[in-house]
Amino acid sequence: MYGGWRGSGGVRNLVLALALIGLLYLFFTARSGQNARLSLWAPSGGAAPASISNAVPGGLFGVAKSHNLGDDSRPQGNPLGVHNTVITQGYGVGSHAPAAVWGAVDLAIDGDGDGVADPAATMKHPIYATQSGVAALTPNSWPAGNHIWVANNQYRTGYSHLDSFVVTDGQAVYPGDMIGYVGSTGQSSGPHLDYQVWVMQGGEWVNQNPLDFGAL
């Protein structure tokens, strides 16, 4: 009888576990949208993609080269383009850890001069490319929401949680070109831009601290 009770309890626990998994799946599906895709912001396996060719079907190396993108390939400057930009989450901490996979800075606008982010001023603020490259768009992804890569052979920059895009997939862009608007799509607690910088080293993309490229 004791053994039978343990057996029935094991079945019950299995059923409860399967039910919980189902509820979690429904929750994240609802949060991310019915047609959501896993974001290229970070791969599902937890390791950074070896190259943009693996991350984007067809790759971007040949496309970038065909556009004769020049010496402005290195990321530089603030993607929000204004002096009253503030950091709401730093590099390699919180949801940006470990930095090798999730490294980024979260940027927002201080609209009233109190030194902290202002959601109203941040929402739908223009976002500008900080390098030359080819745009790869991933709409309605999870956790990055509406996401853009700008990539060339040497560098790529990532822009997450956008409200909307103003470039098209495969479009060549240059530093200062507007590429979208700040939003709060995907896994986001409020309007901000998650901004990443990666450099190609030894045939692999290596995450960098955007502050070393003048992001603020």
Protein backbone atom coordinates (compact mmCIF):
# COMPACT_ATOMS: atom_id res chain seq x y z
CA MET A 1 0.00 0.00 0.00
CA TYR A 2 2.87 2.35 0.83
CA GLY A 3 4.50 1.59 -2.49
CA GLY A 4 1.21 2.16 -4.29
CA TRP A 5 0.78 5.55 -2.61
CA ARG A 6 4.26 6.61 -3.71
CA GLY A 7 3.54 5.50 -7.25
CA SER A 8 0.31 7.49 -7.48
CA GLY A 9 2.08 10.49 -5.98
CA GLY A 10 4.77 10.25 -8.61
CA VAL A 11 2.17 10.27 -11.38
CA ARG A 12 0.43 13.20 -9.73
CA ASN A 13 3.68 15.15 -9.48
CA LEU A 14 4.44 14.41 -13.13
CA VAL A 15 1.01 15.67 -14.18
CA LEU A 16 1.45 18.83 -12.10
CA ALA A 17 4.91 19.42 -13.61
CA LEU A 18 3.58 19.02 -17.15
CA ALA A 19 0.70 21.38 -16.36
CA LEU A 20 3.13 23.99 -15.02
CA ILE A 21 5.29 23.72 -18.14
CA GLY A 22 2.18 24.20 -20.27
CA LEU A 23 1.13 27.28 -18.31
CA LEU A 24 4.61 28.80 -18.62
CA TYR A 25 4.58 28.16 -22.37
CA LEU A 26 1.19 29.87 -22.73
CA PHE A 27 2.37 32.80 -20.62
CA PHE A 28 5.49 33.47 -22.65
CA THR A 29 3.67 32.92 -25.93
CA ALA A 30 1.09 35.52 -24.93
CA ARG A 31 3.78 37.94 -23.80
CA SER A 32 5.84 37.60 -26.94
CA GLY A 33 3.09 37.42 -29.52
CA GLN A 34 1.55 34.51 -31.39
CA ASN A 35 4.08 34.61 -34.21
CA ALA A 36 7.08 35.53 -32.08
CA ARG A 37 10.50 34.10 -32.88
CA LEU A 38 13.48 33.58 -30.67
CA SER A 39 15.51 36.73 -30.99
CA LEU A 40 18.93 36.84 -32.64
CA TRP A 41 19.82 39.03 -29.67
CA ALA A 42 21.13 35.85 -28.06
CA PRO A 43 20.99 32.26 -29.23
CA SER A 44 18.77 29.65 -27.61
CA GLY A 45 21.70 27.46 -26.63
CA GLY A 46 23.27 30.15 -24.44
CA ALA A 47 26.44 30.61 -26.52
CA ALA A 48 27.11 33.48 -28.88
CA PRO A 49 26.82 32.57 -32.58
CA ALA A 50 30.16 31.87 -34.23
CA SER A 51 29.42 34.27 -37.05
CA ILE A 52 26.70 36.41 -38.52
CA SER A 53 26.52 33.87 -41.33
CA ASN A 54 25.17 31.37 -38.81
CA ALA A 55 22.87 33.89 -37.14
CA VAL A 56 21.24 35.27 -40.29
CA PRO A 57 20.14 32.95 -43.11
CA GLY A 58 22.36 33.56 -46.12
CA GLY A 59 24.83 35.61 -44.08
CA LEU A 60 25.72 39.29 -44.35
CA PHE A 61 29.42 39.23 -45.20
CA GLY A 62 28.94 39.10 -48.95
CA VAL A 63 26.16 41.67 -48.83
CA ALA A 64 28.24 44.13 -46.81
CA LYS A 65 31.21 43.73 -49.11
CA SER A 66 29.07 44.30 -52.17
CA HIS A 67 28.02 47.68 -50.81
CA ASN A 68 31.68 48.78 -50.52
CA LEU A 69 31.25 49.81 -46.90
CA GLY A 70 34.27 51.83 -45.89
CA ASP A 71 36.33 52.95 -42.90
CA ASP A 72 33.26 54.00 -40.90
CA SER A 73 32.72 50.33 -40.06
CA ARG A 74 33.82 50.74 -36.40
CA PRO A 75 30.92 51.65 -34.08
CA GLN A 76 31.20 55.08 -32.54
CA GLY A 77 28.93 57.40 -30.61
CA ASN A 78 25.56 57.40 -28.93
CA PRO A 79 22.77 55.59 -30.82
CA LEU A 80 20.19 57.96 -29.30
CA GLY A 81 22.15 60.98 -30.48
CA VAL A 82 21.42 63.36 -27.57
CA HIS A 83 23.39 64.57 -24.56
CA ASN A 84 20.65 63.79 -22.01
CA THR A 85 20.95 60.03 -22.50
CA VAL A 86 21.16 57.99 -19.29
CA ILE A 87 22.04 54.36 -18.57
CA THR A 88 19.30 52.34 -16.90
CA GLN A 89 21.30 49.09 -16.76
CA GLY A 90 25.04 48.74 -17.13
CA TYR A 91 27.27 46.34 -18.98
CA GLY A 92 27.58 42.79 -17.70
CA VAL A 93 25.09 43.14 -14.84
CA GLY A 94 21.49 42.03 -14.32
CA SER A 95 19.95 40.74 -17.52
CA HIS A 96 23.20 41.67 -19.31
CA ALA A 97 25.14 38.91 -17.57
CA PRO A 98 27.09 36.98 -18.60
CA ALA A 99 28.56 39.68 -20.78
CA ALA A 100 29.94 37.19 -23.29
CA VAL A 101 26.37 36.36 -24.31
CA TRP A 102 24.10 39.18 -23.13
CA GLY A 103 26.54 42.10 -22.82
CA ALA A 104 24.85 45.44 -23.56
CA VAL A 105 23.89 48.76 -22.04
CA ASP A 106 20.33 49.99 -21.64
CA LEU A 107 19.87 53.59 -22.72
CA ALA A 108 16.99 56.00 -22.11
CA ILE A 109 16.28 59.74 -22.18
CA ASP A 110 16.26 62.07 -19.17
CA GLY A 111 13.54 64.42 -20.36
CA ASP A 112 13.20 66.62 -17.28
CA GLY A 113 16.81 66.98 -16.10
CA ASP A 114 16.48 65.00 -12.88
CA GLY A 115 19.17 62.51 -13.88
CA VAL A 116 16.89 59.50 -14.32
CA ALA A 117 15.09 58.00 -17.27
CA ASP A 118 11.86 59.61 -18.43
CA PRO A 119 9.58 57.03 -20.11
CA ALA A 120 7.54 59.66 -21.95
CA ALA A 121 10.63 61.31 -23.44
CA THR A 122 12.22 57.94 -24.24
CA MET A 123 9.29 56.31 -26.01
CA LYS A 124 9.58 56.63 -29.80
CA HIS A 125 12.85 58.57 -29.60
CA PRO A 126 14.86 58.12 -32.82
CA ILE A 127 17.62 55.52 -32.93
CA TYR A 128 20.67 56.05 -35.16
CA ALA A 129 23.15 53.54 -36.56
CA THR A 130 26.60 53.92 -35.04
CA GLN A 131 28.46 52.11 -37.85
CA SER A 132 28.24 51.23 -41.50
CA GLY A 133 26.75 47.86 -42.28
CA VAL A 134 23.74 45.96 -43.51
CA ALA A 135 20.55 45.88 -41.46
CA ALA A 136 18.99 42.56 -40.44
CA LEU A 137 15.54 42.94 -38.88
CA THR A 138 13.82 40.53 -36.49
CA PRO A 139 10.30 41.76 -35.69
CA ASN A 140 8.28 40.55 -32.72
CA SER A 141 11.05 38.39 -31.23
CA TRP A 142 11.64 37.21 -27.68
CA PRO A 143 13.21 38.49 -25.51
CA ALA A 144 14.46 41.40 -27.66
CA GLY A 145 11.14 42.43 -29.24
CA ASN A 146 11.68 44.33 -32.47
CA HIS A 147 15.41 43.92 -33.05
CA ILE A 148 18.01 45.17 -35.56
CA TRP A 149 21.50 44.01 -36.30
CA VAL A 150 23.77 46.34 -38.27
CA ALA A 151 26.72 44.22 -39.39
CA ASN A 152 29.79 44.28 -41.57
CA ASN A 153 32.84 42.03 -41.72
CA GLN A 154 34.48 43.52 -38.63
CA TYR A 155 31.71 44.74 -36.33
CA ARG A 156 28.05 44.38 -35.59
CA THR A 157 25.77 46.43 -33.36
CA GLY A 158 22.46 45.28 -31.90
CA TYR A 159 19.42 47.42 -31.14
CA SER A 160 16.59 45.81 -29.13
CA HIS A 161 13.03 46.54 -27.91
CA LEU A 162 12.24 48.96 -30.75
CA ASP A 163 8.79 50.40 -31.19
CA SER A 164 9.18 50.36 -34.98
CA PHE A 165 11.68 50.18 -37.83
CA VAL A 166 12.51 52.82 -40.44
CA VAL A 167 14.92 50.65 -42.45
CA THR A 168 14.28 47.47 -44.37
CA ASP A 169 15.89 44.06 -44.06
CA GLY A 170 19.11 43.97 -46.09
CA GLN A 171 19.39 47.76 -46.39
CA ALA A 172 22.87 49.32 -46.25
CA VAL A 173 23.13 51.97 -43.53
CA TYR A 174 25.83 54.39 -42.43
CA PRO A 175 26.68 56.15 -39.15
CA GLY A 176 23.97 58.65 -38.27
CA ASP A 177 21.25 57.02 -40.38
CA MET A 178 18.02 56.69 -38.44
CA ILE A 179 17.05 53.03 -38.21
CA GLY A 180 14.08 52.97 -35.83
CA TYR A 181 12.33 54.29 -32.74
CA VAL A 182 12.75 53.35 -29.08
CA GLY A 183 10.04 51.12 -27.68
CA SER A 184 9.34 48.54 -25.00
CA THR A 185 8.72 45.39 -27.06
CA GLY A 186 9.79 41.93 -25.95
CA GLN A 187 10.99 41.39 -22.39
CA SER A 188 11.13 44.99 -21.23
CA SER A 189 10.04 46.82 -18.08
CA GLY A 190 9.74 50.17 -19.86
CA PRO A 191 10.88 52.18 -22.89
CA HIS A 192 14.62 51.89 -23.48
CA LEU A 193 17.21 50.83 -26.04
CA ASP A 194 19.29 47.73 -25.40
CA TYR A 195 22.48 48.46 -27.34
CA GLN A 196 25.19 45.89 -28.08
CA VAL A 197 28.60 45.96 -29.78
CA TRP A 198 30.39 42.87 -31.12
CA VAL A 199 33.75 42.54 -32.87
CA MET A 200 34.94 39.69 -35.10
CA GLN A 201 38.02 38.06 -33.53
CA GLY A 202 39.51 34.79 -34.69
CA GLY A 203 36.42 33.92 -36.73
CA GLU A 204 33.98 34.45 -33.85
CA TRP A 205 31.86 37.37 -32.66
CA VAL A 206 33.11 38.66 -29.30
CA ASN A 207 30.94 40.92 -27.17
CA GLN A 208 32.32 44.36 -26.25
CA ASN A 209 31.41 47.05 -23.74
CA PRO A 210 29.54 49.73 -25.75
CA LEU A 211 30.93 52.40 -23.42
CA ASP A 212 34.36 51.72 -24.94
CA PHE A 213 32.87 52.89 -28.26
CA GLY A 214 31.46 56.19 -26.96
CA ALA A 215 27.91 54.99 -26.37
CA LEU A 216 27.37 57.63 -23.67
